[in-house]
């Protein structure tokens, strides 16, 4: 399953957000993989962030990460940088983007 998300950074937070992602905790990376993600890529255009996640089941991924202390700490750190965060709900404001076209 492939999921695309759109989140937004606070203006001026770009350098800190990118620096944080150069040091994602190994424990978090392992937890994301254990929850079924095989790939998670983030692109940035200005303050707009576009995520593409390949995973077994998106809802399962969210459920398994939601209560993990390492993920809770990471999300708190990301909240410092984000205007629109991933809210960990499949139906929230950052729900998966609908597919319009695919080759």
N, C-alpha and C. Protein backbone atom coordinates (compact mmCIF):
# COMPACT_ATOMS: atom_id res chain seq x y z
N UNK A 1 0.84 -1.16 0.00
CA UNK A 1 0.00 0.00 0.00
C UNK A 1 0.89 1.23 0.00
N UNK A 2 0.55 2.23 -0.81
CA UNK A 2 1.30 3.48 -0.87
C UNK A 2 0.38 4.62 -0.44
N UNK A 3 0.89 5.42 0.51
CA UNK A 3 0.14 6.54 1.07
C UNK A 3 0.92 7.82 0.82
N UNK A 4 0.24 8.89 0.41
CA UNK A 4 0.86 10.20 0.26
C UNK A 4 0.20 11.16 1.24
N UNK A 5 1.02 11.97 1.91
CA UNK A 5 0.54 12.95 2.88
C UNK A 5 1.13 14.32 2.56
N UNK A 6 0.44 15.36 3.01
CA UNK A 6 0.93 16.72 2.88
C UNK A 6 0.90 17.36 4.26
N UNK A 7 2.05 17.85 4.72
CA UNK A 7 2.12 18.60 5.97
C UNK A 7 2.83 19.91 5.66
N UNK A 8 2.81 20.85 6.62
CA UNK A 8 3.42 22.16 6.40
C UNK A 8 4.31 22.54 7.57
N UNK A 9 5.43 23.15 7.23
CA UNK A 9 6.34 23.68 8.23
C UNK A 9 5.96 25.11 8.61
N UNK A 10 6.33 25.51 9.82
CA UNK A 10 6.24 26.91 10.20
C UNK A 10 7.30 27.65 9.40
N UNK A 11 6.99 28.85 8.94
CA UNK A 11 8.00 29.61 8.19
C UNK A 11 9.28 29.76 9.02
N UNK A 12 10.42 29.51 8.38
CA UNK A 12 11.71 29.63 9.04
C UNK A 12 12.19 28.35 9.71
N UNK A 13 11.33 27.34 9.78
CA UNK A 13 11.69 26.09 10.46
C UNK A 13 12.41 25.09 9.55
N UNK A 14 12.56 25.44 8.29
CA UNK A 14 13.11 24.49 7.32
C UNK A 14 14.48 23.94 7.73
N UNK A 15 15.46 24.79 8.10
CA UNK A 15 16.78 24.24 8.44
C UNK A 15 16.75 23.31 9.66
N UNK A 16 15.97 23.66 10.68
CA UNK A 16 15.90 22.82 11.88
C UNK A 16 15.20 21.50 11.60
N UNK A 17 14.15 21.54 10.78
CA UNK A 17 13.43 20.33 10.42
C UNK A 17 14.35 19.38 9.65
N UNK A 18 15.09 19.92 8.69
CA UNK A 18 16.00 19.08 7.92
C UNK A 18 17.12 18.54 8.79
N UNK A 19 17.64 19.36 9.69
CA UNK A 19 18.70 18.90 10.61
C UNK A 19 18.18 17.77 11.49
N UNK A 20 16.96 17.89 11.98
CA UNK A 20 16.38 16.84 12.83
C UNK A 20 16.30 15.53 12.07
N UNK A 21 15.97 15.59 10.79
CA UNK A 21 15.83 14.37 10.00
C UNK A 21 17.17 13.74 9.61
N UNK A 22 18.26 14.43 9.85
CA UNK A 22 19.57 13.82 9.65
C UNK A 22 19.96 12.97 10.87
N UNK A 23 19.14 13.05 11.93
CA UNK A 23 19.44 12.29 13.15
C UNK A 23 18.19 11.63 13.73
N UNK A 24 17.37 11.03 12.86
CA UNK A 24 16.20 10.29 13.34
C UNK A 24 16.71 9.13 14.20
N UNK A 25 16.16 8.99 15.42
CA UNK A 25 16.63 7.92 16.31
C UNK A 25 16.49 6.53 15.68
N UNK A 26 17.54 5.74 15.82
CA UNK A 26 17.54 4.38 15.27
C UNK A 26 16.37 3.57 15.83
N UNK A 27 16.02 3.80 17.08
CA UNK A 27 14.90 3.09 17.70
C UNK A 27 13.58 3.43 16.99
N UNK A 28 13.42 4.68 16.55
CA UNK A 28 12.22 5.07 15.83
C UNK A 28 12.20 4.45 14.44
N UNK A 29 13.34 4.46 13.76
CA UNK A 29 13.42 3.83 12.43
C UNK A 29 13.04 2.36 12.53
N UNK A 30 13.57 1.67 13.54
CA UNK A 30 13.26 0.25 13.73
C UNK A 30 11.78 0.06 14.02
N UNK A 31 11.18 0.93 14.80
CA UNK A 31 9.75 0.83 15.13
C UNK A 31 8.88 1.05 13.89
N UNK A 32 9.27 2.00 13.06
CA UNK A 32 8.52 2.26 11.82
C UNK A 32 8.58 1.03 10.92
N UNK A 33 9.76 0.44 10.78
CA UNK A 33 9.88 -0.78 9.97
C UNK A 33 9.09 -1.94 10.57
N UNK A 34 9.17 -2.11 11.89
CA UNK A 34 8.45 -3.19 12.56
C UNK A 34 6.94 -3.03 12.43
N UNK A 35 6.48 -1.79 12.29
CA UNK A 35 5.04 -1.53 12.14
C UNK A 35 4.56 -1.74 10.71
N UNK A 36 5.49 -2.10 9.81
CA UNK A 36 5.09 -2.47 8.45
C UNK A 36 5.49 -1.51 7.35
N UNK A 37 6.20 -0.44 7.67
CA UNK A 37 6.64 0.48 6.61
C UNK A 37 7.89 -0.07 5.94
N UNK A 38 7.90 -0.07 4.62
CA UNK A 38 9.08 -0.49 3.88
C UNK A 38 9.82 0.71 3.31
N UNK A 39 9.14 1.85 3.23
CA UNK A 39 9.76 3.05 2.69
C UNK A 39 8.96 4.26 3.18
N UNK A 40 9.66 5.35 3.50
CA UNK A 40 9.01 6.62 3.87
C UNK A 40 9.92 7.72 3.37
N UNK A 41 9.47 8.46 2.38
CA UNK A 41 10.25 9.54 1.79
C UNK A 41 9.51 10.85 2.00
N UNK A 42 10.27 11.90 2.33
CA UNK A 42 9.70 13.23 2.51
C UNK A 42 10.40 14.18 1.55
N UNK A 43 9.61 14.92 0.76
CA UNK A 43 10.12 15.97 -0.09
C UNK A 43 9.66 17.30 0.47
N UNK A 44 10.46 18.35 0.27
CA UNK A 44 10.10 19.68 0.74
C UNK A 44 10.14 20.67 -0.40
N UNK A 45 9.11 21.52 -0.48
CA UNK A 45 9.07 22.66 -1.39
C UNK A 45 8.67 23.85 -0.54
N UNK A 46 9.63 24.70 -0.21
CA UNK A 46 9.35 25.80 0.71
C UNK A 46 8.96 25.22 2.06
N UNK A 47 7.77 25.58 2.52
CA UNK A 47 7.28 25.05 3.80
C UNK A 47 6.36 23.85 3.62
N UNK A 48 6.12 23.44 2.38
CA UNK A 48 5.26 22.29 2.10
C UNK A 48 6.08 21.01 2.13
N UNK A 49 5.57 20.01 2.86
CA UNK A 49 6.21 18.70 2.94
C UNK A 49 5.29 17.66 2.32
N UNK A 50 5.85 16.81 1.49
CA UNK A 50 5.10 15.75 0.84
C UNK A 50 5.74 14.42 1.23
N UNK A 51 4.94 13.56 1.83
CA UNK A 51 5.41 12.26 2.32
C UNK A 51 4.83 11.16 1.43
N UNK A 52 5.63 10.18 1.11
CA UNK A 52 5.13 8.97 0.45
C UNK A 52 5.59 7.80 1.31
N UNK A 53 4.62 7.02 1.76
CA UNK A 53 4.88 5.89 2.66
C UNK A 53 4.42 4.61 1.98
N UNK A 54 5.32 3.65 1.88
CA UNK A 54 4.95 2.31 1.43
C UNK A 54 4.88 1.45 2.68
N UNK A 55 3.74 0.80 2.87
CA UNK A 55 3.55 0.02 4.09
C UNK A 55 2.56 -1.11 3.85
N UNK A 56 2.54 -2.06 4.79
CA UNK A 56 1.61 -3.17 4.71
C UNK A 56 0.17 -2.68 4.86
N UNK A 57 -0.08 -1.91 5.92
CA UNK A 57 -1.42 -1.39 6.20
C UNK A 57 -1.26 -0.08 6.96
N UNK A 58 -1.73 1.00 6.38
CA UNK A 58 -1.56 2.34 6.95
C UNK A 58 -2.15 2.46 8.35
N UNK A 59 -3.37 1.98 8.54
CA UNK A 59 -4.01 2.07 9.85
C UNK A 59 -3.22 1.31 10.91
N UNK A 60 -2.68 0.16 10.53
CA UNK A 60 -1.84 -0.63 11.45
C UNK A 60 -0.57 0.14 11.79
N UNK A 61 0.04 0.74 10.81
CA UNK A 61 1.25 1.54 11.03
C UNK A 61 0.96 2.65 12.04
N UNK A 62 -0.12 3.38 11.82
CA UNK A 62 -0.48 4.47 12.73
C UNK A 62 -0.74 3.96 14.13
N UNK A 63 -1.50 2.89 14.24
CA UNK A 63 -1.86 2.35 15.56
C UNK A 63 -0.63 1.89 16.32
N UNK A 64 0.30 1.24 15.63
CA UNK A 64 1.48 0.72 16.32
C UNK A 64 2.44 1.82 16.74
N UNK A 65 2.49 2.92 15.99
CA UNK A 65 3.39 4.01 16.33
C UNK A 65 2.80 4.98 17.35
N UNK A 66 1.49 5.10 17.37
CA UNK A 66 0.83 6.16 18.14
C UNK A 66 1.21 6.20 19.61
N UNK A 67 1.35 5.07 20.26
CA UNK A 67 1.60 5.04 21.70
C UNK A 67 3.05 4.74 22.09
N UNK A 68 3.94 4.60 21.10
CA UNK A 68 5.34 4.30 21.40
C UNK A 68 6.04 5.54 21.96
N UNK A 69 6.70 5.41 23.10
CA UNK A 69 7.39 6.58 23.69
C UNK A 69 8.38 7.26 22.74
N UNK A 70 9.14 6.49 21.96
CA UNK A 70 10.10 7.10 21.04
C UNK A 70 9.38 7.91 19.97
N UNK A 71 8.23 7.45 19.51
CA UNK A 71 7.46 8.20 18.52
C UNK A 71 6.79 9.41 19.16
N UNK A 72 6.27 9.26 20.36
CA UNK A 72 5.66 10.40 21.05
C UNK A 72 6.68 11.51 21.23
N UNK A 73 7.90 11.16 21.63
CA UNK A 73 8.96 12.16 21.79
C UNK A 73 9.31 12.81 20.45
N UNK A 74 9.38 11.99 19.40
CA UNK A 74 9.70 12.52 18.07
C UNK A 74 8.60 13.47 17.60
N UNK A 75 7.34 13.09 17.78
CA UNK A 75 6.24 13.94 17.35
C UNK A 75 6.24 15.27 18.12
N UNK A 76 6.59 15.22 19.40
CA UNK A 76 6.68 16.46 20.19
C UNK A 76 7.77 17.36 19.60
N UNK A 77 8.88 16.77 19.22
CA UNK A 77 9.95 17.55 18.59
C UNK A 77 9.49 18.13 17.27
N UNK A 78 8.80 17.32 16.45
CA UNK A 78 8.32 17.80 15.15
C UNK A 78 7.29 18.91 15.31
N UNK A 79 6.49 18.87 16.37
CA UNK A 79 5.49 19.91 16.62
C UNK A 79 6.12 21.29 16.72
N UNK A 80 7.39 21.35 17.12
CA UNK A 80 8.09 22.63 17.20
C UNK A 80 8.24 23.25 15.81
N UNK A 81 8.30 22.42 14.77
CA UNK A 81 8.58 22.88 13.42
C UNK A 81 7.36 22.94 12.50
N UNK A 82 6.31 22.22 12.86
CA UNK A 82 5.19 22.04 11.93
C UNK A 82 4.01 22.96 12.19
N UNK A 83 3.48 23.53 11.11
CA UNK A 83 2.21 24.26 11.17
C UNK A 83 1.05 23.28 11.05
N UNK A 84 1.18 22.34 10.11
CA UNK A 84 0.19 21.28 9.91
C UNK A 84 0.92 19.96 10.07
N UNK A 85 0.62 19.26 11.16
CA UNK A 85 1.30 18.00 11.46
C UNK A 85 0.45 16.82 11.03
N UNK A 86 1.10 15.67 10.94
CA UNK A 86 0.38 14.42 10.74
C UNK A 86 -0.32 14.12 12.05
N UNK A 87 -1.63 13.97 12.02
CA UNK A 87 -2.38 13.79 13.28
C UNK A 87 -2.63 12.33 13.64
N UNK A 88 -2.04 11.41 12.88
CA UNK A 88 -2.13 9.97 13.16
C UNK A 88 -3.55 9.44 13.10
N UNK A 89 -4.38 10.08 12.31
CA UNK A 89 -5.71 9.52 12.07
C UNK A 89 -5.87 9.35 10.57
N UNK A 90 -6.52 8.30 10.19
CA UNK A 90 -6.74 8.06 8.76
C UNK A 90 -7.80 8.99 8.20
N UNK A 91 -8.53 9.69 9.07
CA UNK A 91 -9.60 10.57 8.61
C UNK A 91 -9.37 12.02 9.00
N UNK A 92 -8.21 12.35 9.55
CA UNK A 92 -7.95 13.70 10.02
C UNK A 92 -7.57 14.65 8.90
N UNK A 93 -7.10 15.83 9.26
CA UNK A 93 -6.77 16.84 8.27
C UNK A 93 -5.59 16.45 7.41
N UNK A 94 -4.78 15.54 7.87
CA UNK A 94 -3.65 15.08 7.06
C UNK A 94 -3.86 13.63 6.63
N UNK A 95 -5.09 13.30 6.36
CA UNK A 95 -5.39 11.96 5.85
C UNK A 95 -4.68 11.76 4.52
N UNK A 96 -4.55 10.53 4.13
CA UNK A 96 -3.88 10.21 2.88
C UNK A 96 -4.50 10.99 1.72
N UNK A 97 -3.65 11.50 0.85
CA UNK A 97 -4.12 12.22 -0.32
C UNK A 97 -4.73 11.23 -1.30
N UNK A 98 -5.82 11.62 -1.95
CA UNK A 98 -6.42 10.72 -2.94
C UNK A 98 -5.57 10.63 -4.21
N UNK A 99 -5.53 9.46 -4.79
CA UNK A 99 -4.80 9.26 -6.04
C UNK A 99 -5.64 9.85 -7.17
N UNK A 100 -5.02 10.71 -7.98
CA UNK A 100 -5.70 11.33 -9.12
C UNK A 100 -5.33 10.61 -10.40
N UNK A 101 -4.06 10.24 -10.53
CA UNK A 101 -3.58 9.56 -11.72
C UNK A 101 -2.32 8.80 -11.38
N UNK A 102 -2.10 7.67 -12.02
CA UNK A 102 -0.92 6.88 -11.78
C UNK A 102 -0.50 6.18 -13.06
N UNK A 103 0.79 6.16 -13.35
CA UNK A 103 1.31 5.47 -14.54
C UNK A 103 1.82 4.11 -14.14
